[in-house]
Amino acid sequence: MTKQKLTLSLDSRIIQNAKKTGLCISTFLEVKLVEHFSERKMQRTCRDLNPSQRLRRQSSLLLRDVK
């Protein structure tokens, strides 16, 4: 497997809101990375890859807190 460089850009407002609400940035980044690689793999294989229940639940909580 080849190594790839991934750049994830976050709006500063998201980071500020995360700090205010006590959001775990590492969990947020983990969810975003899983989403990114799932989307890329889905594009290559043309099938839907569902993340685990834990990641889906965390993602929905994180996105709710950020909005």
N, C-alpha and C. Protein backbone atom coordinates (compact mmCIF):
# COMPACT_ATOMS: atom_id res chain seq x y z
N MET A 1 0.85 -1.18 0.00
CA MET A 1 0.00 0.00 0.00
C MET A 1 0.90 1.24 0.00
N THR A 2 0.59 2.17 -0.86
CA THR A 2 1.38 3.40 -0.92
C THR A 2 0.88 4.41 0.10
N LYS A 3 1.81 5.19 0.58
CA LYS A 3 1.44 6.23 1.54
C LYS A 3 0.93 7.44 0.77
N GLN A 4 -0.11 8.07 1.33
CA GLN A 4 -0.66 9.25 0.71
C GLN A 4 -0.69 10.37 1.73
N LYS A 5 -0.48 11.56 1.26
CA LYS A 5 -0.56 12.73 2.14
C LYS A 5 -1.99 13.25 2.09
N LEU A 6 -2.56 13.46 3.25
CA LEU A 6 -3.93 13.94 3.33
C LEU A 6 -3.94 15.26 4.09
N THR A 7 -4.56 16.25 3.49
CA THR A 7 -4.71 17.54 4.15
C THR A 7 -6.17 17.74 4.48
N LEU A 8 -6.45 17.98 5.74
CA LEU A 8 -7.81 18.20 6.19
C LEU A 8 -7.90 19.63 6.68
N SER A 9 -8.70 20.43 6.01
CA SER A 9 -8.81 21.82 6.43
C SER A 9 -10.10 21.99 7.23
N LEU A 10 -9.98 22.68 8.33
CA LEU A 10 -11.12 22.94 9.20
C LEU A 10 -11.31 24.44 9.34
N ASP A 11 -12.52 24.86 9.28
CA ASP A 11 -12.85 26.27 9.49
C ASP A 11 -12.52 26.61 10.95
N SER A 12 -11.93 27.77 11.17
CA SER A 12 -11.56 28.16 12.54
C SER A 12 -12.77 28.24 13.45
N ARG A 13 -13.95 28.54 12.89
CA ARG A 13 -15.17 28.58 13.71
C ARG A 13 -15.50 27.21 14.28
N ILE A 14 -15.25 26.16 13.51
CA ILE A 14 -15.50 24.80 14.00
C ILE A 14 -14.60 24.50 15.18
N ILE A 15 -13.33 24.88 15.08
CA ILE A 15 -12.39 24.63 16.16
C ILE A 15 -12.76 25.44 17.39
N GLN A 16 -13.13 26.69 17.21
CA GLN A 16 -13.54 27.53 18.35
C GLN A 16 -14.78 26.96 19.03
N ASN A 17 -15.77 26.55 18.25
CA ASN A 17 -16.97 25.96 18.82
C ASN A 17 -16.66 24.66 19.55
N ALA A 18 -15.73 23.89 18.99
CA ALA A 18 -15.34 22.64 19.63
C ALA A 18 -14.72 22.90 20.99
N LYS A 19 -13.87 23.90 21.07
CA LYS A 19 -13.24 24.24 22.35
C LYS A 19 -14.26 24.72 23.36
N LYS A 20 -15.22 25.52 22.91
CA LYS A 20 -16.25 26.06 23.81
C LYS A 20 -17.14 24.95 24.38
N THR A 21 -17.46 23.97 23.55
CA THR A 21 -18.37 22.91 23.98
C THR A 21 -17.64 21.71 24.57
N GLY A 22 -16.31 21.77 24.61
CA GLY A 22 -15.54 20.66 25.15
C GLY A 22 -15.47 19.47 24.20
N LEU A 23 -15.66 19.73 22.92
CA LEU A 23 -15.64 18.69 21.91
C LEU A 23 -14.22 18.13 21.78
N CYS A 24 -14.13 16.84 21.66
CA CYS A 24 -12.83 16.18 21.51
C CYS A 24 -12.38 16.29 20.05
N ILE A 25 -11.36 17.10 19.81
CA ILE A 25 -10.87 17.34 18.45
C ILE A 25 -10.35 16.04 17.82
N SER A 26 -9.67 15.20 18.59
CA SER A 26 -9.13 13.97 18.01
C SER A 26 -10.25 13.05 17.53
N THR A 27 -11.36 13.00 18.26
CA THR A 27 -12.50 12.19 17.82
C THR A 27 -13.09 12.77 16.54
N PHE A 28 -13.21 14.08 16.50
CA PHE A 28 -13.73 14.75 15.31
C PHE A 28 -12.86 14.43 14.09
N LEU A 29 -11.55 14.52 14.26
CA LEU A 29 -10.63 14.23 13.16
C LEU A 29 -10.72 12.77 12.74
N GLU A 30 -10.85 11.87 13.71
CA GLU A 30 -10.99 10.45 13.39
C GLU A 30 -12.23 10.21 12.53
N VAL A 31 -13.33 10.83 12.90
CA VAL A 31 -14.58 10.68 12.14
C VAL A 31 -14.40 11.22 10.73
N LYS A 32 -13.78 12.39 10.61
CA LYS A 32 -13.58 12.99 9.29
C LYS A 32 -12.68 12.12 8.41
N LEU A 33 -11.64 11.54 9.00
CA LEU A 33 -10.75 10.67 8.23
C LEU A 33 -11.49 9.42 7.75
N VAL A 34 -12.29 8.84 8.63
CA VAL A 34 -13.07 7.66 8.25
C VAL A 34 -14.03 8.01 7.12
N GLU A 35 -14.70 9.16 7.23
CA GLU A 35 -15.62 9.60 6.17
C GLU A 35 -14.87 9.77 4.85
N HIS A 36 -13.71 10.41 4.92
CA HIS A 36 -12.93 10.67 3.71
C HIS A 36 -12.54 9.36 3.01
N PHE A 37 -11.97 8.43 3.78
CA PHE A 37 -11.52 7.19 3.16
C PHE A 37 -12.68 6.30 2.74
N SER A 38 -13.79 6.36 3.45
CA SER A 38 -14.98 5.61 3.04
C SER A 38 -15.52 6.14 1.72
N GLU A 39 -15.54 7.47 1.58
CA GLU A 39 -16.01 8.07 0.33
C GLU A 39 -15.09 7.70 -0.84
N ARG A 40 -13.79 7.75 -0.60
CA ARG A 40 -12.84 7.41 -1.67
C ARG A 40 -12.97 5.95 -2.07
N LYS A 41 -13.11 5.08 -1.07
CA LYS A 41 -13.23 3.66 -1.37
C LYS A 41 -14.55 3.39 -2.09
N MET A 42 -15.61 4.09 -1.67
CA MET A 42 -16.90 3.93 -2.32
C MET A 42 -16.82 4.37 -3.78
N GLN A 43 -16.10 5.45 -4.05
CA GLN A 43 -15.95 5.92 -5.42
C GLN A 43 -15.23 4.87 -6.27
N ARG A 44 -14.25 4.21 -5.69
CA ARG A 44 -13.50 3.20 -6.44
C ARG A 44 -14.30 1.93 -6.64
N THR A 45 -15.07 1.54 -5.63
CA THR A 45 -15.77 0.26 -5.70
C THR A 45 -17.24 0.40 -6.06
N CYS A 46 -17.75 1.64 -6.07
CA CYS A 46 -19.16 1.91 -6.39
C CYS A 46 -20.12 1.21 -5.44
N ARG A 47 -19.77 1.13 -4.20
CA ARG A 47 -20.69 0.58 -3.22
C ARG A 47 -20.62 1.41 -1.95
N ASP A 48 -21.67 1.38 -1.19
CA ASP A 48 -21.77 2.17 0.02
C ASP A 48 -21.08 1.44 1.17
N LEU A 49 -20.14 2.11 1.80
CA LEU A 49 -19.46 1.55 2.96
C LEU A 49 -19.94 2.28 4.20
N ASN A 50 -20.59 1.57 5.07
CA ASN A 50 -21.12 2.19 6.27
C ASN A 50 -20.09 2.13 7.39
N PRO A 51 -19.84 3.26 8.04
CA PRO A 51 -18.94 3.24 9.20
C PRO A 51 -19.62 2.51 10.35
N SER A 52 -18.84 2.14 11.32
CA SER A 52 -19.40 1.43 12.47
C SER A 52 -20.44 2.28 13.18
N GLN A 53 -21.28 1.63 13.96
CA GLN A 53 -22.32 2.34 14.72
C GLN A 53 -21.70 3.41 15.61
N ARG A 54 -20.58 3.10 16.24
CA ARG A 54 -19.94 4.05 17.15
C ARG A 54 -19.54 5.32 16.41
N LEU A 55 -18.92 5.17 15.24
CA LEU A 55 -18.48 6.34 14.49
C LEU A 55 -19.66 7.14 13.95
N ARG A 56 -20.72 6.45 13.52
CA ARG A 56 -21.90 7.18 13.05
C ARG A 56 -22.52 7.98 14.18
N ARG A 57 -22.61 7.38 15.35
CA ARG A 57 -23.19 8.07 16.50
C ARG A 57 -22.32 9.26 16.89
N GLN A 58 -21.00 9.08 16.94
CA GLN A 58 -20.10 10.18 17.28
C GLN A 58 -20.18 11.29 16.24
N SER A 59 -20.24 10.91 14.98
CA SER A 59 -20.30 11.90 13.92
C SER A 59 -21.55 12.75 14.04
N SER A 60 -22.69 12.11 14.30
CA SER A 60 -23.93 12.89 14.41
C SER A 60 -23.89 13.80 15.63
N LEU A 61 -23.30 13.33 16.74
CA LEU A 61 -23.19 14.18 17.92
C LEU A 61 -22.25 15.35 17.67
N LEU A 62 -21.14 15.08 17.00
CA LEU A 62 -20.17 16.14 16.72
C LEU A 62 -20.76 17.20 15.81
N LEU A 63 -21.42 16.75 14.77
CA LEU A 63 -21.99 17.70 13.82
C LEU A 63 -23.13 18.50 14.45
N ARG A 64 -23.89 17.88 15.34
CA ARG A 64 -24.97 18.59 16.02
C ARG A 64 -24.38 19.68 16.92
N ASP A 65 -23.29 19.36 17.62
CA ASP A 65 -22.66 20.34 18.52
C ASP A 65 -22.05 21.50 17.76
N VAL A 66 -21.54 21.24 16.56
CA VAL A 66 -20.86 22.28 15.79
C VAL A 66 -21.85 23.27 15.19
N LYS A 67 -23.03 22.80 14.81
CA LYS A 67 -24.01 23.67 14.15
C LYS A 67 -24.57 24.71 15.03
